[in-house]
């Protein structure tokens, strides 16, 4: 027989996932503006905001605009600092010395795609 889940429990988990994904989406919007402003530059590294789910994270990651565009070519992918990944809603798909690339799965992935400013 299946596990009994308290009424409202699933809805609460979905709200939490949505809030966490929205935190990342806000960083993504800021990084889009940074990338656009620097796109005409010389290709040197610039500071992008960590796109993790932590609402209080204000750390930055040094990337070239090309590196950022490569990550952003998939709307489910985000760039985060090591240790800032949320393995319950995303998987690490790439690891560099300075950062990780994570990909959202399930409802978090669907929300990331829906909120993608490039879509």
PDB file of N, CA and C in Angstrom:
ATOM      1  N   UNK A   1       0.847  -1.170   0.000  1.00  0.00           N
ATOM      2  CA  UNK A   1       0.000   0.000   0.000  1.00  0.00           C
ATOM      3  C   UNK A   1       0.898   1.241   0.000  1.00  0.00           C
ATOM      4  N   UNK A   2       0.466   2.315  -0.658  1.00  0.00           N
ATOM      5  CA  UNK A   2       1.282   3.520  -0.780  1.00  0.00           C
ATOM      6  C   UNK A   2       1.374   4.308   0.506  1.00  0.00           C
ATOM      7  N   UNK A   3       2.366   5.166   0.550  1.00  0.00           N
ATOM      8  CA  UNK A   3       2.594   6.032   1.711  1.00  0.00           C
ATOM      9  C   UNK A   3       1.526   7.117   1.769  1.00  0.00           C
ATOM     10  N   UNK A   4       1.058   7.405   2.956  1.00  0.00           N
ATOM     11  CA  UNK A   4       0.079   8.468   3.146  1.00  0.00           C
ATOM     12  C   UNK A   4       0.824   9.794   3.229  1.00  0.00           C
ATOM     13  N   UNK A   5       0.437  10.726   2.366  1.00  0.00           N
ATOM     14  CA  UNK A   5       1.082  12.039   2.319  1.00  0.00           C
ATOM     15  C   UNK A   5       0.098  13.055   2.892  1.00  0.00           C
ATOM     16  N   UNK A   6       0.534  13.855   3.882  1.00  0.00           N
ATOM     17  CA  UNK A   6      -0.357  14.864   4.459  1.00  0.00           C
ATOM     18  C   UNK A   6      -0.884  15.812   3.391  1.00  0.00           C
ATOM     19  N   UNK A   7      -2.123  16.200   3.529  1.00  0.00           N
ATOM     20  CA  UNK A   7      -2.759  17.129   2.598  1.00  0.00           C
ATOM     21  C   UNK A   7      -1.929  18.422   2.513  1.00  0.00           C
ATOM     22  N   UNK A   8      -1.652  18.875   1.304  1.00  0.00           N
ATOM     23  CA  UNK A   8      -0.884  20.108   1.117  1.00  0.00           C
ATOM     24  C   UNK A   8       0.614  19.893   1.036  1.00  0.00           C
ATOM     25  N   UNK A   9       1.094  18.689   1.345  1.00  0.00           N
ATOM     26  CA  UNK A   9       2.533  18.434   1.357  1.00  0.00           C
ATOM     27  C   UNK A   9       3.128  18.566  -0.042  1.00  0.00           C
ATOM     28  N   UNK A  10       2.507  17.948  -1.034  1.00  0.00           N
ATOM     29  CA  UNK A  10       3.015  18.020  -2.397  1.00  0.00           C
ATOM     30  C   UNK A  10       2.971  19.452  -2.896  1.00  0.00           C
ATOM     31  N   UNK A  11       1.898  20.161  -2.626  1.00  0.00           N
ATOM     32  CA  UNK A  11       1.794  21.559  -3.051  1.00  0.00           C
ATOM     33  C   UNK A  11       2.892  22.400  -2.425  1.00  0.00           C
ATOM     34  N   UNK A  12       3.212  22.154  -1.163  1.00  0.00           N
ATOM     35  CA  UNK A  12       4.275  22.911  -0.493  1.00  0.00           C
ATOM     36  C   UNK A  12       5.620  22.629  -1.148  1.00  0.00           C
ATOM     37  N   UNK A  13       5.877  21.381  -1.524  1.00  0.00           N
ATOM     38  CA  UNK A  13       7.137  21.060  -2.192  1.00  0.00           C
ATOM     39  C   UNK A  13       7.215  21.775  -3.534  1.00  0.00           C
ATOM     40  N   UNK A  14       6.104  21.830  -4.280  1.00  0.00           N
ATOM     41  CA  UNK A  14       6.099  22.500  -5.570  1.00  0.00           C
ATOM     42  C   UNK A  14       6.350  23.992  -5.418  1.00  0.00           C
ATOM     43  N   UNK A  15       5.797  24.626  -4.399  1.00  0.00           N
ATOM     44  CA  UNK A  15       6.014  26.048  -4.153  1.00  0.00           C
ATOM     45  C   UNK A  15       7.480  26.302  -3.837  1.00  0.00           C
ATOM     46  N   UNK A  16       8.081  25.439  -3.022  1.00  0.00           N
ATOM     47  CA  UNK A  16       9.497  25.584  -2.689  1.00  0.00           C
ATOM     48  C   UNK A  16      10.357  25.448  -3.942  1.00  0.00           C
ATOM     49  N   UNK A  17      10.087  24.459  -4.764  1.00  0.00           N
ATOM     50  CA  UNK A  17      10.837  24.275  -6.002  1.00  0.00           C
ATOM     51  C   UNK A  17      10.676  25.492  -6.897  1.00  0.00           C
ATOM     52  N   UNK A  18       9.459  26.016  -6.981  1.00  0.00           N
ATOM     53  CA  UNK A  18       9.216  27.190  -7.814  1.00  0.00           C
ATOM     54  C   UNK A  18       9.993  28.393  -7.301  1.00  0.00           C
ATOM     55  N   UNK A  19       9.987  28.628  -6.000  1.00  0.00           N
ATOM     56  CA  UNK A  19      10.734  29.765  -5.430  1.00  0.00           C
ATOM     57  C   UNK A  19      12.223  29.625  -5.693  1.00  0.00           C
ATOM     58  N   UNK A  20      12.755  28.427  -5.502  1.00  0.00           N
ATOM     59  CA  UNK A  20      14.180  28.212  -5.720  1.00  0.00           C
ATOM     60  C   UNK A  20      14.536  28.437  -7.181  1.00  0.00           C
ATOM     61  N   UNK A  21      13.694  27.970  -8.077  1.00  0.00           N
ATOM     62  CA  UNK A  21      13.947  28.162  -9.500  1.00  0.00           C
ATOM     63  C   UNK A  21      13.830  29.637  -9.866  1.00  0.00           C
ATOM     64  N   UNK A  22      12.901  30.358  -9.260  1.00  0.00           N
ATOM     65  CA  UNK A  22      12.767  31.787  -9.522  1.00  0.00           C
ATOM     66  C   UNK A  22      13.989  32.550  -9.037  1.00  0.00           C
ATOM     67  N   UNK A  23      14.611  32.133  -7.935  1.00  0.00           N
ATOM     68  CA  UNK A  23      15.848  32.771  -7.473  1.00  0.00           C
ATOM     69  C   UNK A  23      16.906  32.671  -8.557  1.00  0.00           C
ATOM     70  N   UNK A  24      17.032  31.489  -9.158  1.00  0.00           N
ATOM     71  CA  UNK A  24      18.003  31.310 -10.226  1.00  0.00           C
ATOM     72  C   UNK A  24      17.630  32.144 -11.439  1.00  0.00           C
ATOM     73  N   UNK A  25      16.358  32.203 -11.743  1.00  0.00           N
ATOM     74  CA  UNK A  25      15.916  32.961 -12.913  1.00  0.00           C
ATOM     75  C   UNK A  25      16.249  34.444 -12.771  1.00  0.00           C
ATOM     76  N   UNK A  26      16.160  34.980 -11.560  1.00  0.00           N
ATOM     77  CA  UNK A  26      16.506  36.390 -11.345  1.00  0.00           C
ATOM     78  C   UNK A  26      17.990  36.622 -11.618  1.00  0.00           C
ATOM     79  N   UNK A  27      18.845  35.707 -11.184  1.00  0.00           N
ATOM     80  CA  UNK A  27      20.275  35.823 -11.479  1.00  0.00           C
ATOM     81  C   UNK A  27      20.509  35.727 -12.976  1.00  0.00           C
ATOM     82  N   UNK A  28      19.757  34.849 -13.615  1.00  0.00           N
ATOM     83  CA  UNK A  28      19.903  34.666 -15.065  1.00  0.00           C
ATOM     84  C   UNK A  28      19.568  35.963 -15.801  1.00  0.00           C
ATOM     85  N   UNK A  29      18.513  36.653 -15.409  1.00  0.00           N
ATOM     86  CA  UNK A  29      18.125  37.914 -16.056  1.00  0.00           C
ATOM     87  C   UNK A  29      19.245  38.947 -15.906  1.00  0.00           C
ATOM     88  N   UNK A  30      19.816  39.036 -14.706  1.00  0.00           N
ATOM     89  CA  UNK A  30      20.927  39.969 -14.484  1.00  0.00           C
ATOM     90  C   UNK A  30      22.122  39.583 -15.347  1.00  0.00           C
ATOM     91  N   UNK A  31      22.427  38.304 -15.424  1.00  0.00           N
ATOM     92  CA  UNK A  31      23.559  37.851 -16.224  1.00  0.00           C
ATOM     93  C   UNK A  31      23.324  38.073 -17.713  1.00  0.00           C
ATOM     94  N   UNK A  32      22.095  37.965 -18.160  1.00  0.00           N
ATOM     95  CA  UNK A  32      21.778  38.259 -19.556  1.00  0.00           C
ATOM     96  C   UNK A  32      22.149  39.709 -19.879  1.00  0.00           C
ATOM     97  N   UNK A  33      21.839  40.620 -18.974  1.00  0.00           N
ATOM     98  CA  UNK A  33      22.163  42.032 -19.183  1.00  0.00           C
ATOM     99  C   UNK A  33      23.677  42.231 -19.202  1.00  0.00           C
ATOM    100  N   UNK A  34      24.386  41.557 -18.308  1.00  0.00           N
ATOM    101  CA  UNK A  34      25.851  41.646 -18.273  1.00  0.00           C
ATOM    102  C   UNK A  34      26.426  41.127 -19.585  1.00  0.00           C
ATOM    103  N   UNK A  35      25.942  39.965 -20.015  1.00  0.00           N
ATOM    104  CA  UNK A  35      26.452  39.343 -21.235  1.00  0.00           C
ATOM    105  C   UNK A  35      26.200  40.225 -22.450  1.00  0.00           C
ATOM    106  N   UNK A  36      25.024  40.826 -22.539  1.00  0.00           N
ATOM    107  CA  UNK A  36      24.711  41.720 -23.651  1.00  0.00           C
ATOM    108  C   UNK A  36      25.617  42.938 -23.651  1.00  0.00           C
ATOM    109  N   UNK A  37      25.861  43.503 -22.487  1.00  0.00           N
ATOM    110  CA  UNK A  37      26.701  44.696 -22.378  1.00  0.00           C
ATOM    111  C   UNK A  37      28.143  44.403 -22.765  1.00  0.00           C
ATOM    112  N   UNK A  38      28.585  43.204 -22.504  1.00  0.00           N
ATOM    113  CA  UNK A  38      29.976  42.851 -22.766  1.00  0.00           C
ATOM    114  C   UNK A  38      30.185  42.089 -24.073  1.00  0.00           C
ATOM    115  N   UNK A  39      29.119  41.760 -24.776  1.00  0.00           N
ATOM    116  CA  UNK A  39      29.218  40.919 -25.970  1.00  0.00           C
ATOM    117  C   UNK A  39      30.146  41.519 -27.028  1.00  0.00           C
ATOM    118  N   UNK A  40      30.189  42.816 -27.104  1.00  0.00           N
ATOM    119  CA  UNK A  40      31.029  43.464 -28.100  1.00  0.00           C
ATOM    120  C   UNK A  40      32.465  43.634 -27.621  1.00  0.00           C
ATOM    121  N   UNK A  41      32.769  43.150 -26.423  1.00  0.00           N
ATOM    122  CA  UNK A  41      34.103  43.310 -25.842  1.00  0.00           C
ATOM    123  C   UNK A  41      35.148  42.428 -26.485  1.00  0.00           C
ATOM    124  N   UNK A  42      36.299  42.353 -25.858  1.00  0.00           N
ATOM    125  CA  UNK A  42      37.444  41.629 -26.405  1.00  0.00           C
ATOM    126  C   UNK A  42      37.472  40.146 -26.058  1.00  0.00           C
ATOM    127  N   UNK A  43      36.442  39.631 -25.400  1.00  0.00           N
ATOM    128  CA  UNK A  43      36.393  38.208 -25.072  1.00  0.00           C
ATOM    129  C   UNK A  43      37.069  37.860 -23.767  1.00  0.00           C
ATOM    130  N   UNK A  44      37.477  38.861 -23.007  1.00  0.00           N
ATOM    131  CA  UNK A  44      38.096  38.564 -21.718  1.00  0.00           C
ATOM    132  C   UNK A  44      37.021  38.221 -20.701  1.00  0.00           C
ATOM    133  N   UNK A  45      37.435  37.607 -19.599  1.00  0.00           N
ATOM    134  CA  UNK A  45      36.502  37.187 -18.554  1.00  0.00           C
ATOM    135  C   UNK A  45      35.842  38.380 -17.887  1.00  0.00           C
ATOM    136  N   UNK A  46      34.576  38.187 -17.536  1.00  0.00           N
ATOM    137  CA  UNK A  46      33.829  39.178 -16.781  1.00  0.00           C
ATOM    138  C   UNK A  46      33.117  38.462 -15.640  1.00  0.00           C
ATOM    139  N   UNK A  47      32.641  39.203 -14.675  1.00  0.00           N
ATOM    140  CA  UNK A  47      31.979  38.621 -13.508  1.00  0.00           C
ATOM    141  C   UNK A  47      30.493  38.420 -13.774  1.00  0.00           C
ATOM    142  N   UNK A  48      30.062  37.176 -13.632  1.00  0.00           N
ATOM    143  CA  UNK A  48      28.648  36.821 -13.716  1.00  0.00           C
ATOM    144  C   UNK A  48      28.197  36.399 -12.333  1.00  0.00           C
ATOM    145  N   UNK A  49      26.939  36.637 -12.025  1.00  0.00           N
ATOM    146  CA  UNK A  49      26.387  36.209 -10.747  1.00  0.00           C
ATOM    147  C   UNK A  49      26.242  34.697 -10.711  1.00  0.00           C
ATOM    148  N   UNK A  50      26.527  34.103  -9.570  1.00  0.00           N
ATOM    149  CA  UNK A  50      26.249  32.689  -9.358  1.00  0.00           C
ATOM    150  C   UNK A  50      24.744  32.508  -9.516  1.00  0.00           C
ATOM    151  N   UNK A  51      24.326  31.519 -10.311  1.00  0.00           N
ATOM    152  CA  UNK A  51      22.911  31.305 -10.595  1.00  0.00           C
ATOM    153  C   UNK A  51      22.313  30.203  -9.719  1.00  0.00           C
ATOM    154  N   UNK A  52      22.792  30.105  -8.493  1.00  0.00           N
ATOM    155  CA  UNK A  52      22.307  29.060  -7.585  1.00  0.00           C
ATOM    156  C   UNK A  52      20.942  29.408  -7.008  1.00  0.00           C
ATOM    157  N   UNK A  53      20.370  28.467  -6.275  1.00  0.00           N
ATOM    158  CA  UNK A  53      19.033  28.645  -5.702  1.00  0.00           C
ATOM    159  C   UNK A  53      19.040  29.431  -4.401  1.00  0.00           C
ATOM    160  N   UNK A  54      20.201  29.734  -3.856  1.00  0.00           N
ATOM    161  CA  UNK A  54      20.288  30.428  -2.572  1.00  0.00           C
ATOM    162  C   UNK A  54      19.867  31.889  -2.713  1.00  0.00           C
ATOM    163  N   UNK A  55      18.822  32.303  -2.003  1.00  0.00           N
ATOM    164  CA  UNK A  55      18.341  33.684  -2.162  1.00  0.00           C
ATOM    165  C   UNK A  55      19.335  34.736  -1.674  1.00  0.00           C
ATOM    166  N   UNK A  56      20.268  34.370  -0.800  1.00  0.00           N
ATOM    167  CA  UNK A  56      21.216  35.342  -0.262  1.00  0.00           C
ATOM    168  C   UNK A  56      22.587  35.295  -0.939  1.00  0.00           C
ATOM    169  N   UNK A  57      22.740  34.486  -1.984  1.00  0.00           N
ATOM    170  CA  UNK A  57      24.039  34.372  -2.656  1.00  0.00           C
ATOM    171  C   UNK A  57      24.272  35.594  -3.547  1.00  0.00           C
ATOM    172  N   UNK A  58      25.421  36.232  -3.344  1.00  0.00           N
ATOM    173  CA  UNK A  58      25.799  37.360  -4.180  1.00  0.00           C
ATOM    174  C   UNK A  58      27.208  37.164  -4.742  1.00  0.00           C
ATOM    175  N   UNK A  59      27.645  35.910  -4.778  1.00  0.00           N
ATOM    176  CA  UNK A  59      28.987  35.581  -5.273  1.00  0.00           C
ATOM    177  C   UNK A  59      29.018  35.653  -6.797  1.00  0.00           C
ATOM    178  N   UNK A  60      30.199  35.853  -7.340  1.00  0.00           N
ATOM    179  CA  UNK A  60      30.356  35.952  -8.786  1.00  0.00           C
ATOM    180  C   UNK A  60      31.295  34.875  -9.310  1.00  0.00           C
ATOM    181  N   UNK A  61      31.182  34.636 -10.608  1.00  0.00           N
ATOM    182  CA  UNK A  61      31.986  33.646 -11.314  1.00  0.00           C
ATOM    183  C   UNK A  61      32.578  34.337 -12.531  1.00  0.00           C
ATOM    184  N   UNK A  62      33.863  34.161 -12.752  1.00  0.00           N
ATOM    185  CA  UNK A  62      34.526  34.754 -13.910  1.00  0.00           C
ATOM    186  C   UNK A  62      34.361  33.832 -15.124  1.00  0.00           C
ATOM    187  N   UNK A  63      33.725  34.362 -16.163  1.00  0.00           N
ATOM    188  CA  UNK A  63      33.503  33.635 -17.416  1.00  0.00           C
ATOM    189  C   UNK A  63      33.693  34.597 -18.582  1.00  0.00           C
ATOM    190  N   UNK A  64      34.019  34.058 -19.733  1.00  0.00           N
ATOM    191  CA  UNK A  64      33.980  34.886 -20.936  1.00  0.00           C
ATOM    192  C   UNK A  64      32.532  34.905 -21.427  1.00  0.00           C
ATOM    193  N   UNK A  65      32.160  35.926 -22.197  1.00  0.00           N
ATOM    194  CA  UNK A  65      30.807  35.915 -22.761  1.00  0.00           C
ATOM    195  C   UNK A  65      30.531  34.645 -23.573  1.00  0.00           C
ATOM    196  N   UNK A  66      31.535  34.129 -24.275  1.00  0.00           N
ATOM    197  CA  UNK A  66      31.361  32.884 -25.035  1.00  0.00           C
ATOM    198  C   UNK A  66      31.013  31.729 -24.105  1.00  0.00           C
ATOM    199  N   UNK A  67      31.736  31.592 -22.987  1.00  0.00           N
ATOM    200  CA  UNK A  67      31.454  30.502 -22.046  1.00  0.00           C
ATOM    201  C   UNK A  67      30.027  30.603 -21.506  1.00  0.00           C
ATOM    202  N   UNK A  68      29.607  31.821 -21.182  1.00  0.00           N
ATOM    203  CA  UNK A  68      28.255  31.995 -20.664  1.00  0.00           C
ATOM    204  C   UNK A  68      27.211  31.650 -21.723  1.00  0.00           C
ATOM    205  N   UNK A  69      27.409  32.115 -22.954  1.00  0.00           N
ATOM    206  CA  UNK A  69      26.462  31.804 -24.034  1.00  0.00           C
ATOM    207  C   UNK A  69      26.377  30.297 -24.271  1.00  0.00           C
ATOM    208  N   UNK A  70      27.498  29.601 -24.157  1.00  0.00           N
ATOM    209  CA  UNK A  70      27.515  28.151 -24.351  1.00  0.00           C
ATOM    210  C   UNK A  70      26.646  27.459 -23.303  1.00  0.00           C
ATOM    211  N   UNK A  71      26.775  27.863 -22.040  1.00  0.00           N
ATOM    212  CA  UNK A  71      25.938  27.302 -20.983  1.00  0.00           C
ATOM    213  C   UNK A  71      24.475  27.630 -21.261  1.00  0.00           C
ATOM    214  N   UNK A  72      24.203  28.862 -21.631  1.00  0.00           N
ATOM    215  CA  UNK A  72      22.840  29.337 -21.828  1.00  0.00           C
ATOM    216  C   UNK A  72      22.176  28.800 -23.086  1.00  0.00           C
ATOM    217  N   UNK A  73      22.930  28.096 -23.934  1.00  0.00           N
ATOM    218  CA  UNK A  73      22.304  27.540 -25.133  1.00  0.00           C
ATOM    219  C   UNK A  73      21.250  26.491 -24.773  1.00  0.00           C
ATOM    220  N   UNK A  74      21.282  26.010 -23.543  1.00  0.00           N
ATOM    221  CA  UNK A  74      20.261  25.094 -23.038  1.00  0.00           C
ATOM    222  C   UNK A  74      19.530  25.815 -21.908  1.00  0.00           C
ATOM    223  N   UNK A  75      18.215  26.088 -22.042  1.00  0.00           N
ATOM    224  CA  UNK A  75      17.504  26.874 -21.036  1.00  0.00           C
ATOM    225  C   UNK A  75      17.392  26.203 -19.664  1.00  0.00           C
ATOM    226  N   UNK A  76      17.702  24.922 -19.578  1.00  0.00           N
ATOM    227  CA  UNK A  76      17.648  24.214 -18.297  1.00  0.00           C
ATOM    228  C   UNK A  76      18.984  24.272 -17.548  1.00  0.00           C
ATOM    229  N   UNK A  77      19.985  24.893 -18.145  1.00  0.00           N
ATOM    230  CA  UNK A  77      21.327  24.910 -17.548  1.00  0.00           C
ATOM    231  C   UNK A  77      21.649  26.250 -16.912  1.00  0.00           C
ATOM    232  N   UNK A  78      22.384  26.159 -15.798  1.00  0.00           N
ATOM    233  CA  UNK A  78      22.788  27.320 -15.006  1.00  0.00           C
ATOM    234  C   UNK A  78      24.247  27.151 -14.597  1.00  0.00           C
ATOM    235  N   UNK A  79      24.928  28.256 -14.358  1.00  0.00           N
ATOM    236  CA  UNK A  79      26.302  28.228 -13.886  1.00  0.00           C
ATOM    237  C   UNK A  79      26.300  28.593 -12.399  1.00  0.00           C
ATOM    238  N   UNK A  80      26.913  27.723 -11.588  1.00  0.00           N
ATOM    239  CA  UNK A  80      26.939  27.917 -10.135  1.00  0.00           C
ATOM    240  C   UNK A  80      28.341  27.626  -9.605  1.00  0.00           C
ATOM    241  N   UNK A  81      28.627  28.128  -8.433  1.00  0.00           N
ATOM    242  CA  UNK A  81      29.891  27.837  -7.770  1.00  0.00           C
ATOM    243  C   UNK A  81      29.873  26.407  -7.214  1.00  0.00           C
ATOM    244  N   UNK A  82      31.048  25.843  -7.058  1.00  0.00           N
ATOM    245  CA  UNK A  82      31.149  24.530  -6.416  1.00  0.00           C
ATOM    246  C   UNK A  82      30.497  24.596  -5.039  1.00  0.00           C
ATOM    247  N   UNK A  83      29.684  23.593  -4.715  1.00  0.00           N
ATOM    248  CA  UNK A  83      29.003  23.545  -3.438  1.00  0.00           C
ATOM    249  C   UNK A  83      27.665  24.261  -3.434  1.00  0.00           C
ATOM    250  N   UNK A  84      27.330  24.956  -4.519  1.00  0.00           N
ATOM    251  CA  UNK A  84      26.066  25.683  -4.599  1.00  0.00           C
ATOM    252  C   UNK A  84      25.005  24.927  -5.392  1.00  0.00           C
ATOM    253  N   UNK A  85      25.313  23.713  -5.813  1.00  0.00           N
ATOM    254  CA  UNK A  85      24.342  22.927  -6.566  1.00  0.00           C
ATOM    255  C   UNK A  85      23.258  22.388  -5.628  1.00  0.00           C
ATOM    256  N   UNK A  86      22.063  22.189  -6.175  1.00  0.00           N
ATOM    257  CA  UNK A  86      20.919  21.647  -5.434  1.00  0.00           C
ATOM    258  C   UNK A  86      20.546  20.319  -6.090  1.00  0.00           C
ATOM    259  N   UNK A  87      21.171  19.264  -5.630  1.00  0.00           N
ATOM    260  CA  UNK A  87      21.045  17.961  -6.301  1.00  0.00           C
ATOM    261  C   UNK A  87      19.634  17.385  -6.309  1.00  0.00           C
ATOM    262  N   UNK A  88      18.733  17.929  -5.490  1.00  0.00           N
ATOM    263  CA  UNK A  88      17.363  17.424  -5.507  1.00  0.00           C
ATOM    264  C   UNK A  88      16.571  17.928  -6.713  1.00  0.00           C
ATOM    265  N   UNK A  89      16.997  19.018  -7.335  1.00  0.00           N
ATOM    266  CA  UNK A  89      16.270  19.552  -8.488  1.00  0.00           C
ATOM    267  C   UNK A  89      17.156  19.742  -9.716  1.00  0.00           C
ATOM    268  N   UNK A  90      18.451  19.411  -9.600  1.00  0.00           N
ATOM    269  CA  UNK A  90      19.364  19.590 -10.723  1.00  0.00           C
ATOM    270  C   UNK A  90      20.504  18.589 -10.647  1.00  0.00           C
ATOM    271  N   UNK A  91      21.134  18.364 -11.805  1.00  0.00           N
ATOM    272  CA  UNK A  91      22.278  17.469 -11.900  1.00  0.00           C
ATOM    273  C   UNK A  91      23.474  18.248 -12.424  1.00  0.00           C
ATOM    274  N   UNK A  92      24.653  17.919 -11.945  1.00  0.00           N
ATOM    275  CA  UNK A  92      25.876  18.536 -12.460  1.00  0.00           C
ATOM    276  C   UNK A  92      26.185  17.879 -13.800  1.00  0.00           C
ATOM    277  N   UNK A  93      26.293  18.689 -14.857  1.00  0.00           N
ATOM    278  CA  UNK A  93      26.582  18.163 -16.187  1.00  0.00           C
ATOM    279  C   UNK A  93      27.979  18.548 -16.671  1.00  0.00           C
ATOM    280  N   UNK A  94      28.620  19.475 -15.945  1.00  0.00           N
ATOM    281  CA  UNK A  94      29.968  19.900 -16.301  1.00  0.00           C
ATOM    282  C   UNK A  94      30.630  20.488 -15.066  1.00  0.00           C
ATOM    283  N   UNK A  95      31.913  20.197 -14.907  1.00  0.00           N
ATOM    284  CA  UNK A  95      32.665  20.762 -13.784  1.00  0.00           C
ATOM    285  C   UNK A  95      33.940  21.403 -14.320  1.00  0.00           C
ATOM    286  N   UNK A  96      34.098  22.685 -14.043  1.00  0.00           N
ATOM    287  CA  UNK A  96      35.321  23.417 -14.369  1.00  0.00           C
ATOM    288  C   UNK A  96      36.006  23.764 -13.053  1.00  0.00           C
ATOM    289  N   UNK A  97      37.209  24.285 -13.119  1.00  0.00           N
ATOM    290  CA  UNK A  97      37.927  24.638 -11.893  1.00  0.00           C
ATOM    291  C   UNK A  97      37.154  25.643 -11.048  1.00  0.00           C
ATOM    292  N   UNK A  98      36.551  26.630 -11.673  1.00  0.00           N
ATOM    293  CA  UNK A  98      35.918  27.733 -10.958  1.00  0.00           C
ATOM    294  C   UNK A  98      34.411  27.600 -10.772  1.00  0.00           C
ATOM    295  N   UNK A  99      33.765  26.718 -11.528  1.00  0.00           N
ATOM    296  CA  UNK A  99      32.307  26.657 -11.492  1.00  0.00           C
ATOM    297  C   UNK A  99      31.793  25.291 -11.928  1.00  0.00           C
ATOM    298  N   UNK A 100      30.489  25.097 -11.731  1.00  0.00           N
ATOM    299  CA  UNK A 100      29.776  23.923 -12.213  1.00  0.00           C
ATOM    300  C   UNK A 100      28.681  24.387 -13.168  1.00  0.00           C
ATOM    301  N   UNK A 101      28.338  23.533 -14.106  1.00  0.00           N
ATOM    302  CA  UNK A 101      27.150  23.743 -14.924  1.00  0.00           C
ATOM    303  C   UNK A 101      26.150  22.700 -14.456  1.00  0.00           C
ATOM    304  N   UNK A 102      24.970  23.176 -14.048  1.00  0.00           N
ATOM    305  CA  UNK A 102      23.923  22.269 -13.576  1.00  0.00           C
ATOM    306  C   UNK A 102      22.750  22.328 -14.540  1.00  0.00           C
ATOM    307  N   UNK A 103      22.015  21.228 -14.599  1.00  0.00           N
ATOM    308  CA  UNK A 103      20.833  21.158 -15.446  1.00  0.00           C
ATOM    309  C   UNK A 103      19.641  20.759 -14.598  1.00  0.00           C
ATOM    310  N   UNK A 104      18.595  21.576 -14.668  1.00  0.00           N
ATOM    311  CA  UNK A 104      17.366  21.312 -13.917  1.00  0.00           C
ATOM    312  C   UNK A 104      16.660  20.102 -14.496  1.00  0.00           C
ATOM    313  N   UNK A 105      16.006  19.330 -13.631  1.00  0.00           N
ATOM    314  CA  UNK A 105      15.196  18.212 -14.091  1.00  0.00           C
ATOM    315  C   UNK A 105      13.804  18.309 -13.488  1.00  0.00           C
ATOM    316  N   UNK A 106      12.873  17.551 -14.042  1.00  0.00           N
ATOM    317  CA  UNK A 106      11.500  17.536 -13.539  1.00  0.00           C
ATOM    318  C   UNK A 106      10.824  18.888 -13.659  1.00  0.00           C
ATOM    319  N   UNK A 107       9.992  19.207 -12.665  1.00  0.00           N
ATOM    320  CA  UNK A 107       9.233  20.463 -12.698  1.00  0.00           C
ATOM    321  C   UNK A 107      10.159  21.682 -12.646  1.00  0.00           C
ATOM    322  N   UNK A 108      11.309  21.556 -11.990  1.00  0.00           N
ATOM    323  CA  UNK A 108      12.266  22.671 -11.958  1.00  0.00           C
ATOM    324  C   UNK A 108      12.797  22.958 -13.362  1.00  0.00           C
ATOM    325  N   UNK A 109      13.034  21.915 -14.143  1.00  0.00           N
ATOM    326  CA  UNK A 109      13.471  22.085 -15.524  1.00  0.00           C
ATOM    327  C   UNK A 109      12.401  22.739 -16.378  1.00  0.00           C
ATOM    328  N   UNK A 110      11.148  22.317 -16.162  1.00  0.00           N
ATOM    329  CA  UNK A 110      10.039  22.911 -16.897  1.00  0.00           C
ATOM    330  C   UNK A 110       9.912  24.398 -16.578  1.00  0.00           C
ATOM    331  N   UNK A 111      10.049  24.763 -15.286  1.00  0.00           N
ATOM    332  CA  UNK A 111       9.977  26.167 -14.880  1.00  0.00           C
ATOM    333  C   UNK A 111      11.133  26.970 -15.473  1.00  0.00           C
ATOM    334  N   UNK A 112      12.328  26.387 -15.476  1.00  0.00           N
ATOM    335  CA  UNK A 112      13.488  27.084 -16.035  1.00  0.00           C
ATOM    336  C   UNK A 112      13.271  27.377 -17.513  1.00  0.00           C
ATOM    337  N   UNK A 113      12.742  26.413 -18.232  1.00  0.00           N
ATOM    338  CA  UNK A 113      12.455  26.630 -19.660  1.00  0.00           C
ATOM    339  C   UNK A 113      11.399  27.700 -19.864  1.00  0.00           C
ATOM    340  N   UNK A 114      10.345  27.649 -19.061  1.00  0.00           N
ATOM    341  CA  UNK A 114       9.257  28.618 -19.193  1.00  0.00           C
ATOM    342  C   UNK A 114       9.717  30.038 -18.871  1.00  0.00           C
ATOM    343  N   UNK A 115      10.661  30.186 -17.933  1.00  0.00           N
ATOM    344  CA  UNK A 115      11.150  31.509 -17.510  1.00  0.00           C
ATOM    345  C   UNK A 115      12.345  31.999 -18.321  1.00  0.00           C
ATOM    346  N   UNK A 116      12.788  31.220 -19.296  1.00  0.00           N
ATOM    347  CA  UNK A 116      13.991  31.564 -20.052  1.00  0.00           C
ATOM    348  C   UNK A 116      13.774  32.833 -20.881  1.00  0.00           C
ATOM    349  N   UNK A 117      14.556  33.896 -20.610  1.00  0.00           N
ATOM    350  CA  UNK A 117      14.378  35.141 -21.362  1.00  0.00           C
ATOM    351  C   UNK A 117      14.772  35.012 -22.832  1.00  0.00           C
ATOM    352  N   UNK A 118      15.508  33.976 -23.196  1.00  0.00           N
ATOM    353  CA  UNK A 118      15.913  33.791 -24.594  1.00  0.00           C
ATOM    354  C   UNK A 118      14.888  33.033 -25.415  1.00  0.00           C
ATOM    355  N   UNK A 119      13.862  32.511 -24.774  1.00  0.00           N
ATOM    356  CA  UNK A 119      12.837  31.735 -25.508  1.00  0.00           C
ATOM    357  C   UNK A 119      11.817  32.650 -26.139  1.00  0.00           C
TER     358      UNK A 119
END
